[in-house]
C-alpha atoms as a PDB file:
ATOM      1  CA  MET A   1      68.460  81.029 138.952  1.00  0.00           C
ATOM      2  CA  LYS A   2      68.538  82.965 135.678  1.00  0.00           C
ATOM      3  CA  SER A   3      65.884  82.336 133.100  1.00  0.00           C
ATOM      4  CA  LEU A   4      66.687  81.955 129.409  1.00  0.00           C
ATOM      5  CA  GLN A   5      66.399  85.166 127.486  1.00  0.00           C
ATOM      6  CA  VAL A   6      64.750  85.296 124.120  1.00  0.00           C
ATOM      7  CA  ASN A   7      67.256  86.042 121.375  1.00  0.00           C
ATOM      8  CA  TYR A   8      66.697  88.077 118.244  1.00  0.00           C
ATOM      9  CA  PHE A   9      65.135  85.064 116.483  1.00  0.00           C
ATOM     10  CA  GLY A  10      62.345  85.108 119.043  1.00  0.00           C
ATOM     11  CA  LYS A  11      63.251  81.643 120.348  1.00  0.00           C
ATOM     12  CA  ASN A  12      65.130  80.197 123.273  1.00  0.00           C
ATOM     13  CA  ILE A  13      68.176  78.664 121.574  1.00  0.00           C
ATOM     14  CA  VAL A  14      70.843  76.810 123.521  1.00  0.00           C
ATOM     15  CA  LEU A  15      74.270  75.744 122.377  1.00  0.00           C
ATOM     16  CA  GLU A  16      73.456  72.035 122.334  1.00  0.00           C
ATOM     17  CA  ASN A  17      70.692  72.556 119.744  1.00  0.00           C
ATOM     18  CA  CYS A  18      72.884  74.445 117.270  1.00  0.00           C
ATOM     19  CA  LYS A  19      74.695  72.816 114.379  1.00  0.00           C
ATOM     20  CA  LYS A  20      78.426  72.712 115.034  1.00  0.00           C
ATOM     21  CA  VAL A  21      81.216  73.034 112.454  1.00  0.00           C
ATOM     22  CA  ASN A  22      84.509  71.755 113.797  1.00  0.00           C
ATOM     23  CA  MET A  23      87.699  72.795 111.953  1.00  0.00           C
ATOM     24  CA  LYS A  24      89.242  69.314 112.360  1.00  0.00           C
ATOM     25  CA  ASP A  25      86.200  67.594 110.830  1.00  0.00           C
ATOM     26  CA  LEU A  26      85.975  70.168 108.042  1.00  0.00           C
ATOM     27  CA  LEU A  27      89.647  69.715 107.094  1.00  0.00           C
ATOM     28  CA  LYS A  28      89.251  65.936 107.089  1.00  0.00           C
ATOM     29  CA  THR A  29      86.284  66.180 104.720  1.00  0.00           C
ATOM     30  CA  VAL A  30      88.092  68.625 102.425  1.00  0.00           C
ATOM     31  CA  LYS A  31      91.226  66.419 102.299  1.00  0.00           C
ATOM     32  CA  GLU A  32      89.170  63.329 101.410  1.00  0.00           C
ATOM     33  CA  ARG A  33      87.319  65.174  98.641  1.00  0.00           C
ATOM     34  CA  LEU A  34      90.577  66.645  97.322  1.00  0.00           C
ATOM     35  CA  LYS A  35      92.224  63.201  97.224  1.00  0.00           C
ATOM     36  CA  TYR A  36      89.208  61.802  95.394  1.00  0.00           C
ATOM     37  CA  GLU A  37      89.317  64.622  92.834  1.00  0.00           C
ATOM     38  CA  LEU A  38      93.085  64.261  92.337  1.00  0.00           C
ATOM     39  CA  MET A  39      92.778  60.535  91.763  1.00  0.00           C
ATOM     40  CA  SER A  40      90.183  61.077  89.028  1.00  0.00           C
ATOM     41  CA  VAL A  41      92.321  63.592  87.109  1.00  0.00           C
ATOM     42  CA  GLU A  42      94.646  62.514  84.335  1.00  0.00           C
ATOM     43  CA  VAL A  43      97.593  64.868  83.843  1.00  0.00           C
ATOM     44  CA  GLU A  44      99.546  64.708  80.571  1.00  0.00           C
ATOM     45  CA  GLY A  45      98.687  61.038  80.041  1.00  0.00           C
ATOM     46  CA  ILE A  46      99.692  60.057  83.586  1.00  0.00           C
ATOM     47  CA  THR A  47      97.066  58.363  85.701  1.00  0.00           C
ATOM     48  CA  PHE A  48      97.077  57.912  89.447  1.00  0.00           C
ATOM     49  CA  ILE A  49      96.468  54.622  91.238  1.00  0.00           C
ATOM     50  CA  GLN A  50      95.594  53.942  94.845  1.00  0.00           C
ATOM     51  CA  THR A  51      96.079  50.707  96.760  1.00  0.00           C
ATOM     52  CA  LYS A  52      95.046  49.726 100.255  1.00  0.00           C
ATOM     53  CA  THR A  53      97.703  49.025 102.868  1.00  0.00           C
ATOM     54  CA  ASN A  54      97.511  46.366 105.578  1.00  0.00           C
ATOM     55  CA  TYR A  55      96.417  48.794 108.285  1.00  0.00           C
ATOM     56  CA  TRP A  56      93.482  50.591 106.651  1.00  0.00           C
ATOM     57  CA  GLY A  57      95.615  53.164 104.912  1.00  0.00           C
ATOM     58  CA  ILE A  58      95.863  54.139 101.272  1.00  0.00           C
ATOM     59  CA  ARG A  59      99.041  54.392  99.201  1.00  0.00           C
ATOM     60  CA  TYR A  60      99.131  56.492  96.041  1.00  0.00           C
ATOM     61  CA  TRP A  61     101.084  55.636  92.893  1.00  0.00           C
ATOM     62  CA  PHE A  62     101.727  56.900  89.390  1.00  0.00           C
ATOM     63  CA  SER A  63     100.953  54.665  86.452  1.00  0.00           C
ATOM     64  CA  CYS A  64     103.770  54.654  83.909  1.00  0.00           C
ATOM     65  CA  PRO A  65     102.310  55.888  80.596  1.00  0.00           C
ATOM     66  CA  LYS A  66     104.405  53.399  78.607  1.00  0.00           C
ATOM     67  CA  CYS A  67     104.265  50.097  80.557  1.00  0.00           C
ATOM     68  CA  GLU A  68     101.365  50.897  82.961  1.00  0.00           C
ATOM     69  CA  ARG A  69     103.399  49.680  85.946  1.00  0.00           C
ATOM     70  CA  LYS A  70     102.558  51.283  89.304  1.00  0.00           C
ATOM     71  CA  ILE A  71     105.513  53.347  90.478  1.00  0.00           C
ATOM     72  CA  SER A  72     106.283  56.134  92.910  1.00  0.00           C
ATOM     73  CA  VAL A  73     108.778  58.101  90.791  1.00  0.00           C
ATOM     74  CA  LEU A  74     108.641  59.188  87.160  1.00  0.00           C
ATOM     75  CA  TYR A  75     111.675  60.408  85.228  1.00  0.00           C
ATOM     76  CA  GLU A  76     111.894  62.582  82.137  1.00  0.00           C
ATOM     77  CA  ASN A  77     113.246  60.688  79.161  1.00  0.00           C
ATOM     78  CA  PRO A  78     116.091  62.859  77.790  1.00  0.00           C
ATOM     79  CA  ALA A  79     115.442  61.754  74.194  1.00  0.00           C
ATOM     80  CA  THR A  80     111.662  62.189  74.009  1.00  0.00           C
ATOM     81  CA  HIS A  81     111.047  64.581  76.940  1.00  0.00           C
ATOM     82  CA  THR A  82     108.185  62.396  78.191  1.00  0.00           C
ATOM     83  CA  LEU A  83     107.704  61.078  81.699  1.00  0.00           C
ATOM     84  CA  GLU A  84     108.364  57.354  82.110  1.00  0.00           C
ATOM     85  CA  CYS A  85     109.559  54.901  84.756  1.00  0.00           C
ATOM     86  CA  ARG A  86     113.278  54.152  85.028  1.00  0.00           C
ATOM     87  CA  LEU A  87     112.861  50.670  83.561  1.00  0.00           C
ATOM     88  CA  CYS A  88     111.237  52.002  80.377  1.00  0.00           C
ATOM     89  CA  ILE A  89     113.977  54.594  79.919  1.00  0.00           C
ATOM     90  CA  GLY A  90     116.689  52.065  80.759  1.00  0.00           C
ATOM     91  CA  LEU A  91     118.100  54.009  83.701  1.00  0.00           C
ATOM     92  CA  LYS A  92     120.275  52.120  86.150  1.00  0.00           C
ATOM     93  CA  TYR A  93     121.842  53.033  89.453  1.00  0.00           C
ATOM     94  CA  LYS A  94     125.577  53.743  89.490  1.00  0.00           C
ATOM     95  CA  LYS A  95     126.325  50.491  91.323  1.00  0.00           C
ATOM     96  CA  GLN A  96     124.411  48.480  88.700  1.00  0.00           C
ATOM     97  CA  ARG A  97     126.205  50.096  85.766  1.00  0.00           C
ATOM     98  CA  PHE A  98     129.700  49.483  87.104  1.00  0.00           C
ATOM     99  CA  LYS A  99     129.068  46.103  88.721  1.00  0.00           C
ATOM    100  CA  GLY A 100     132.303  44.208  89.203  1.00  0.00           C
ATOM    101  CA  MET A 101     134.526  47.208  88.522  1.00  0.00           C
ATOM    102  CA  ILE A 102     136.856  48.570  91.178  1.00  0.00           C
ATOM    103  CA  GLU A 103     135.954  52.070  92.316  1.00  0.00           C
ATOM    104  CA  GLU A 104     138.751  54.539  92.851  1.00  0.00           C
ATOM    105  CA  LYS A 105     138.901  55.971  96.344  1.00  0.00           C
ATOM    106  CA  ILE A 106     140.825  59.209  96.466  1.00  0.00           C
ATOM    107  CA  GLY A 107     141.883  60.660  99.775  1.00  0.00           C
ATOM    108  CA  ASN A 108     142.114  57.442 101.782  1.00  0.00           C
ATOM    109  CA  LEU A 109     145.628  56.508 100.582  1.00  0.00           C
END
C-alpha cells in the first residue's frame, strides 16, 4: 500500500478536505444574484415586478409607467415616444377594431 506523500504545502492533503467549486452551483448563484440586481434597477422610469407562481417559481413583469399595471409587453407610444401598455395607448387587436365587419377573403373564390 502506498503512503501519502507530502505536497509542497508540507501537509498531507486529500481531495475530500479541499473546498470544491462546482460550475453548476456557481452559475446558479450568479443567476440568482443577477436576477436580484435586475429587479432592483429602474430603467427609464420602468420598474420590474416579480410574483410567485403556484409551483415555487417566479414570474417577472414590467410595471406600466402610466397606470402601474403589471404587464409582460410594453409598446412605444407613437405620439409621445414613451413606453406604455397597450391599454394606456389605446391599441387594439385587428379583430377587436373590426368587430362585426365582414373580412374579405381573396384567393378562395
